[in-house]
Amino acid sequence: MAQEQRKVLTGTVVSNKMDKTVVVRVERAHRHPLYGKIVRTHKKYHAHDENNACKEGDVVRIRETRPMSKNKRWVVIETIRRAQ
């Protein structure tokens, strides 16, 4: 039985005020279907941070997981770059 791959996204931590939770902003660039211009969109995800290690400005990688609360369905798997 093959195990399914979970979604992995990369984004920036915009809030770490909650206990064991961070808010990660993920930006996406796509081409407008009619005009062809590159359009940037973003979405914010609540992610589980077990050790409260992330700070605002960190670039992190998050992975989809089981629902942990009403809004939290992602978990931080690694910190790519620390904030200055």
Protein backbone atom coordinates (compact mmCIF):
# COMPACT_ATOMS: atom_id res chain seq x y z
CA MET A 1 0.00 0.00 0.00
CA ALA A 2 1.55 3.27 -1.15
CA GLN A 3 1.71 6.16 1.30
CA GLU A 4 0.39 9.45 -0.07
CA GLN A 5 2.63 12.50 -0.25
CA ARG A 6 1.61 15.45 1.89
CA LYS A 7 1.76 19.03 0.63
CA VAL A 8 4.87 21.00 1.58
CA LEU A 9 4.97 24.81 1.40
CA THR A 10 7.61 27.45 2.14
CA GLY A 11 6.75 30.79 3.74
CA THR A 12 7.61 33.52 6.21
CA VAL A 13 6.53 33.58 9.87
CA VAL A 14 4.38 36.68 10.44
CA SER A 15 3.18 35.94 13.99
CA ASN A 16 4.39 33.77 16.88
CA LYS A 17 2.21 35.20 19.65
CA MET A 18 0.30 31.96 20.28
CA ASP A 19 1.62 29.02 22.29
CA LYS A 20 3.12 26.33 20.00
CA THR A 21 1.53 27.97 16.95
CA VAL A 22 2.93 30.26 14.26
CA VAL A 23 1.21 32.02 11.37
CA VAL A 24 3.06 31.48 8.09
CA ARG A 25 2.49 33.66 5.01
CA VAL A 26 2.98 31.72 1.77
CA GLU A 27 3.35 33.77 -1.44
CA ARG A 28 2.51 32.37 -4.86
CA ALA A 29 3.14 33.91 -8.27
CA HIS A 30 1.00 32.94 -11.25
CA ARG A 31 0.30 34.32 -14.69
CA HIS A 32 -3.02 36.12 -15.25
CA PRO A 33 -5.06 33.99 -17.69
CA LEU A 34 -6.12 36.86 -19.98
CA TYR A 35 -3.53 39.61 -19.62
CA GLY A 36 -0.42 37.52 -19.03
CA LYS A 37 0.89 39.66 -16.17
CA ILE A 38 2.54 37.89 -13.24
CA VAL A 39 0.22 38.25 -10.25
CA ARG A 40 1.40 37.65 -6.67
CA THR A 41 -1.08 36.24 -4.18
CA HIS A 42 -0.58 35.17 -0.59
CA LYS A 43 -2.33 33.05 2.01
CA LYS A 44 -1.74 32.65 5.73
CA TYR A 45 -1.58 29.23 7.40
CA HIS A 46 -1.55 28.35 11.10
CA ALA A 47 1.22 25.83 11.76
CA HIS A 48 2.22 23.79 14.82
CA ASP A 49 5.62 24.72 16.28
CA GLU A 50 6.26 22.21 19.07
CA ASN A 51 9.30 23.92 20.64
CA ASN A 52 8.22 27.56 20.13
CA ALA A 53 11.47 27.94 18.17
CA CYS A 54 10.26 30.15 15.30
CA LYS A 55 10.45 33.93 15.42
CA GLU A 56 8.85 36.56 13.18
CA GLY A 57 10.70 36.88 9.90
CA ASP A 58 11.99 33.29 9.81
CA VAL A 59 11.59 31.42 6.53
CA VAL A 60 10.17 27.97 7.29
CA ARG A 61 8.94 24.88 5.50
CA ILE A 62 5.52 23.55 6.60
CA ARG A 63 3.82 20.21 5.87
CA GLU A 64 0.15 19.28 5.85
CA THR A 65 -0.94 17.11 8.78
CA ARG A 66 -4.01 15.99 10.68
CA PRO A 67 -6.27 18.69 12.15
CA MET A 68 -4.82 19.85 15.47
CA SER A 69 -7.39 22.54 16.20
CA LYS A 70 -10.07 24.58 14.46
CA ASN A 71 -7.57 26.37 12.19
CA LYS A 72 -4.33 24.41 12.56
CA ARG A 73 -3.68 21.76 9.88
CA TRP A 74 0.04 22.30 9.20
CA VAL A 75 3.25 21.57 11.10
CA VAL A 76 6.67 23.27 10.86
CA ILE A 77 9.22 20.73 9.61
CA GLU A 78 12.32 22.93 9.30
CA THR A 79 13.64 26.46 9.51
CA ILE A 80 15.34 27.46 6.26
CA ARG A 81 16.58 30.92 7.27
CA ARG A 82 16.58 32.74 10.60
CA ALA A 83 15.49 36.38 10.90
CA GLN A 84 18.22 38.93 11.58
